[in-house]
Amino acid sequence: AKYFNYHKPGVATSSSDYSGTPGLDLDEFINIFRFKRNKHLRFMQQRLIEQEQEKYIDYRFNKILVKRITKLEGEELNDFIKEYRPDFNFTQTSTLTDFYQYILNSSYKFKREKLQKDALNDTKENN
């Protein structure tokens, strides 16, 4: 939680719970000059955000759903999922219909490219 809620340190005022008088927050002031720690905390926060986004994409763009829409199986299904994995922004903002349509259209493109590749390989083998 300390990584996820990280904010860049700066000069802040604080008030003591006991006296109620405002003053300089010494912890914040000291943290301004802890460059290595601040860089590490920023890095960890960014990494946690990226992991959360990847898990969200995995949740929406999963094998069961893709298999049901595309009728792909096995290695073809794995290749399709790697090649046509949507980005986080699209995954988050698209409607269910748009998301399913993306998967369906991408599967048509994937199958068409596979047929072309197979036809090209057959032509090379026959010559």
C-alpha atoms as a PDB file:
ATOM      1  CA  ALA A   1       0.000   0.000   0.000  1.00  0.00           C
ATOM      2  CA  LYS A   2       2.865   2.393   0.660  1.00  0.00           C
ATOM      3  CA  TYR A   3       4.046   1.984  -2.941  1.00  0.00           C
ATOM      4  CA  PHE A   4       0.629   2.363  -4.468  1.00  0.00           C
ATOM      5  CA  ASN A   5      -0.238   5.501  -2.493  1.00  0.00           C
ATOM      6  CA  TYR A   6       3.148   7.124  -3.115  1.00  0.00           C
ATOM      7  CA  HIS A   7       3.160  10.833  -3.852  1.00  0.00           C
ATOM      8  CA  LYS A   8       6.124  13.017  -4.665  1.00  0.00           C
ATOM      9  CA  PRO A   9       7.456  14.549  -1.452  1.00  0.00           C
ATOM     10  CA  GLY A  10       7.285  18.279  -1.057  1.00  0.00           C
ATOM     11  CA  VAL A  11       7.180  20.912   1.600  1.00  0.00           C
ATOM     12  CA  ALA A  12       3.983  20.445   3.545  1.00  0.00           C
ATOM     13  CA  THR A  13       2.561  21.862   6.677  1.00  0.00           C
ATOM     14  CA  SER A  14       1.291  19.794   9.495  1.00  0.00           C
ATOM     15  CA  SER A  15      -0.558  20.435  12.660  1.00  0.00           C
ATOM     16  CA  SER A  16       0.165  18.606  15.831  1.00  0.00           C
ATOM     17  CA  ASP A  17      -2.719  16.626  17.238  1.00  0.00           C
ATOM     18  CA  TYR A  18      -1.793  17.919  20.663  1.00  0.00           C
ATOM     19  CA  SER A  19      -1.233  21.629  20.203  1.00  0.00           C
ATOM     20  CA  GLY A  20      -3.188  22.343  17.026  1.00  0.00           C
ATOM     21  CA  THR A  21      -0.455  24.675  15.774  1.00  0.00           C
ATOM     22  CA  PRO A  22       0.645  24.319  12.175  1.00  0.00           C
ATOM     23  CA  GLY A  23       4.287  23.799  11.323  1.00  0.00           C
ATOM     24  CA  LEU A  24       6.697  22.290   8.831  1.00  0.00           C
ATOM     25  CA  ASP A  25       6.294  18.546   8.336  1.00  0.00           C
ATOM     26  CA  LEU A  26       9.865  17.373   8.941  1.00  0.00           C
ATOM     27  CA  ASP A  27       9.296  13.894   7.504  1.00  0.00           C
ATOM     28  CA  GLU A  28       8.131  15.386   4.200  1.00  0.00           C
ATOM     29  CA  PHE A  29      11.019  17.850   4.206  1.00  0.00           C
ATOM     30  CA  ILE A  30      13.558  15.060   4.766  1.00  0.00           C
ATOM     31  CA  ASN A  31      11.943  12.896   2.075  1.00  0.00           C
ATOM     32  CA  ILE A  32      12.551  15.638  -0.511  1.00  0.00           C
ATOM     33  CA  PHE A  33      16.270  14.849  -0.310  1.00  0.00           C
ATOM     34  CA  ARG A  34      15.977  11.051  -0.351  1.00  0.00           C
ATOM     35  CA  PHE A  35      16.399  10.796  -4.126  1.00  0.00           C
ATOM     36  CA  LYS A  36      17.162   7.081  -4.353  1.00  0.00           C
ATOM     37  CA  ARG A  37      14.169   6.195  -2.162  1.00  0.00           C
ATOM     38  CA  ASN A  38      11.867   8.503  -4.121  1.00  0.00           C
ATOM     39  CA  LYS A  39      12.991   7.043  -7.434  1.00  0.00           C
ATOM     40  CA  HIS A  40      12.453   3.518  -6.114  1.00  0.00           C
ATOM     41  CA  LEU A  41       8.963   4.390  -4.830  1.00  0.00           C
ATOM     42  CA  ARG A  42       7.994   5.975  -8.170  1.00  0.00           C
ATOM     43  CA  PHE A  43       9.264   2.896  -9.999  1.00  0.00           C
ATOM     44  CA  MET A  44       7.362   0.529  -7.703  1.00  0.00           C
ATOM     45  CA  GLN A  45       4.168   2.552  -8.036  1.00  0.00           C
ATOM     46  CA  GLN A  46       4.433   2.505 -11.841  1.00  0.00           C
ATOM     47  CA  ARG A  47       5.134  -1.231 -11.819  1.00  0.00           C
ATOM     48  CA  LEU A  48       2.087  -1.919  -9.633  1.00  0.00           C
ATOM     49  CA  ILE A  49      -0.115   0.121 -11.953  1.00  0.00           C
ATOM     50  CA  GLU A  50       1.208  -1.787 -14.986  1.00  0.00           C
ATOM     51  CA  GLN A  51       0.583  -5.129 -13.271  1.00  0.00           C
ATOM     52  CA  GLU A  52      -2.946  -4.103 -12.377  1.00  0.00           C
ATOM     53  CA  GLN A  53      -3.605  -3.083 -15.984  1.00  0.00           C
ATOM     54  CA  GLU A  54      -2.195  -6.370 -17.326  1.00  0.00           C
ATOM     55  CA  LYS A  55      -4.384  -8.378 -14.959  1.00  0.00           C
ATOM     56  CA  TYR A  56      -7.433  -6.405 -16.065  1.00  0.00           C
ATOM     57  CA  ILE A  57      -6.662  -7.183 -19.716  1.00  0.00           C
ATOM     58  CA  ASP A  58      -6.186 -10.868 -18.784  1.00  0.00           C
ATOM     59  CA  TYR A  59      -9.549 -10.799 -17.010  1.00  0.00           C
ATOM     60  CA  ARG A  60     -11.440  -9.422 -20.013  1.00  0.00           C
ATOM     61  CA  PHE A  61      -9.405 -11.032 -22.832  1.00  0.00           C
ATOM     62  CA  ASN A  62      -9.269 -14.590 -21.519  1.00  0.00           C
ATOM     63  CA  LYS A  63      -8.933 -17.939 -23.298  1.00  0.00           C
ATOM     64  CA  ILE A  64     -12.475 -19.088 -22.541  1.00  0.00           C
ATOM     65  CA  LEU A  65     -14.043 -15.975 -24.057  1.00  0.00           C
ATOM     66  CA  VAL A  66     -11.718 -15.879 -27.058  1.00  0.00           C
ATOM     67  CA  LYS A  67     -12.239 -19.585 -27.743  1.00  0.00           C
ATOM     68  CA  ARG A  68     -16.021 -19.182 -27.559  1.00  0.00           C
ATOM     69  CA  ILE A  69     -16.038 -16.256 -30.016  1.00  0.00           C
ATOM     70  CA  THR A  70     -13.313 -17.389 -32.444  1.00  0.00           C
ATOM     71  CA  LYS A  71     -13.638 -21.196 -32.277  1.00  0.00           C
ATOM     72  CA  LEU A  72      -9.822 -21.358 -32.225  1.00  0.00           C
ATOM     73  CA  GLU A  73      -8.094 -24.048 -30.176  1.00  0.00           C
ATOM     74  CA  GLY A  74      -4.667 -25.159 -29.045  1.00  0.00           C
ATOM     75  CA  GLU A  75      -1.617 -23.438 -30.454  1.00  0.00           C
ATOM     76  CA  GLU A  76      -3.697 -21.260 -32.793  1.00  0.00           C
ATOM     77  CA  LEU A  77      -5.612 -19.902 -29.797  1.00  0.00           C
ATOM     78  CA  ASN A  78      -2.368 -19.125 -27.947  1.00  0.00           C
ATOM     79  CA  ASP A  79      -0.890 -17.422 -31.021  1.00  0.00           C
ATOM     80  CA  PHE A  80      -4.046 -15.359 -31.507  1.00  0.00           C
ATOM     81  CA  ILE A  81      -4.093 -14.235 -27.872  1.00  0.00           C
ATOM     82  CA  LYS A  82      -0.437 -13.153 -28.052  1.00  0.00           C
ATOM     83  CA  GLU A  83      -0.780 -11.382 -31.395  1.00  0.00           C
ATOM     84  CA  TYR A  84      -4.111  -9.609 -30.903  1.00  0.00           C
ATOM     85  CA  ARG A  85      -4.015  -8.750 -27.212  1.00  0.00           C
ATOM     86  CA  PRO A  86      -5.731  -5.354 -26.877  1.00  0.00           C
ATOM     87  CA  ASP A  87      -4.184  -2.460 -25.009  1.00  0.00           C
ATOM     88  CA  PHE A  88      -5.429  -1.323 -21.620  1.00  0.00           C
ATOM     89  CA  ASN A  89      -7.131   1.839 -22.837  1.00  0.00           C
ATOM     90  CA  PHE A  90      -9.298  -0.027 -25.363  1.00  0.00           C
ATOM     91  CA  THR A  91     -10.028  -2.829 -22.911  1.00  0.00           C
ATOM     92  CA  GLN A  92     -11.158  -0.369 -20.269  1.00  0.00           C
ATOM     93  CA  THR A  93     -13.192   2.007 -22.434  1.00  0.00           C
ATOM     94  CA  SER A  94     -14.834  -0.324 -24.958  1.00  0.00           C
ATOM     95  CA  THR A  95     -18.361  -1.551 -24.545  1.00  0.00           C
ATOM     96  CA  LEU A  96     -18.986  -5.270 -24.359  1.00  0.00           C
ATOM     97  CA  THR A  97     -20.283  -5.249 -27.939  1.00  0.00           C
ATOM     98  CA  ASP A  98     -17.240  -3.342 -29.222  1.00  0.00           C
ATOM     99  CA  PHE A  99     -14.905  -5.668 -27.345  1.00  0.00           C
ATOM    100  CA  TYR A 100     -16.534  -8.805 -28.749  1.00  0.00           C
ATOM    101  CA  GLN A 101     -16.569  -7.269 -32.242  1.00  0.00           C
ATOM    102  CA  TYR A 102     -12.852  -6.540 -31.943  1.00  0.00           C
ATOM    103  CA  ILE A 103     -12.179 -10.185 -31.065  1.00  0.00           C
ATOM    104  CA  LEU A 104     -14.344 -11.429 -33.940  1.00  0.00           C
ATOM    105  CA  ASN A 105     -12.834  -9.077 -36.542  1.00  0.00           C
ATOM    106  CA  SER A 106      -9.333  -9.883 -35.332  1.00  0.00           C
ATOM    107  CA  SER A 107     -10.055 -13.605 -35.616  1.00  0.00           C
ATOM    108  CA  TYR A 108     -11.139 -13.151 -39.250  1.00  0.00           C
ATOM    109  CA  LYS A 109      -7.893 -11.314 -39.962  1.00  0.00           C
ATOM    110  CA  PHE A 110      -5.865 -13.950 -38.089  1.00  0.00           C
ATOM    111  CA  LYS A 111      -7.480 -16.829 -40.016  1.00  0.00           C
ATOM    112  CA  ARG A 112      -7.079 -15.029 -43.362  1.00  0.00           C
ATOM    113  CA  GLU A 113      -3.375 -14.372 -42.687  1.00  0.00           C
ATOM    114  CA  LYS A 114      -2.880 -17.990 -41.627  1.00  0.00           C
ATOM    115  CA  LEU A 115      -4.499 -19.254 -44.846  1.00  0.00           C
ATOM    116  CA  GLN A 116      -2.284 -16.952 -46.919  1.00  0.00           C
ATOM    117  CA  LYS A 117       0.811 -18.102 -45.039  1.00  0.00           C
ATOM    118  CA  ASP A 118      -0.136 -21.767 -45.480  1.00  0.00           C
ATOM    119  CA  ALA A 119      -0.823 -21.244 -49.195  1.00  0.00           C
ATOM    120  CA  LEU A 120       2.550 -19.545 -49.628  1.00  0.00           C
ATOM    121  CA  ASN A 121       4.313 -22.408 -47.828  1.00  0.00           C
ATOM    122  CA  ASP A 122       2.509 -24.972 -50.013  1.00  0.00           C
ATOM    123  CA  THR A 123       3.564 -23.093 -53.152  1.00  0.00           C
ATOM    124  CA  LYS A 124       7.199 -23.012 -52.025  1.00  0.00           C
ATOM    125  CA  GLU A 125       7.164 -26.728 -51.199  1.00  0.00           C
ATOM    126  CA  ASN A 126       5.700 -27.672 -54.588  1.00  0.00           C
ATOM    127  CA  ASN A 127       8.339 -25.718 -56.538  1.00  0.00           C
END
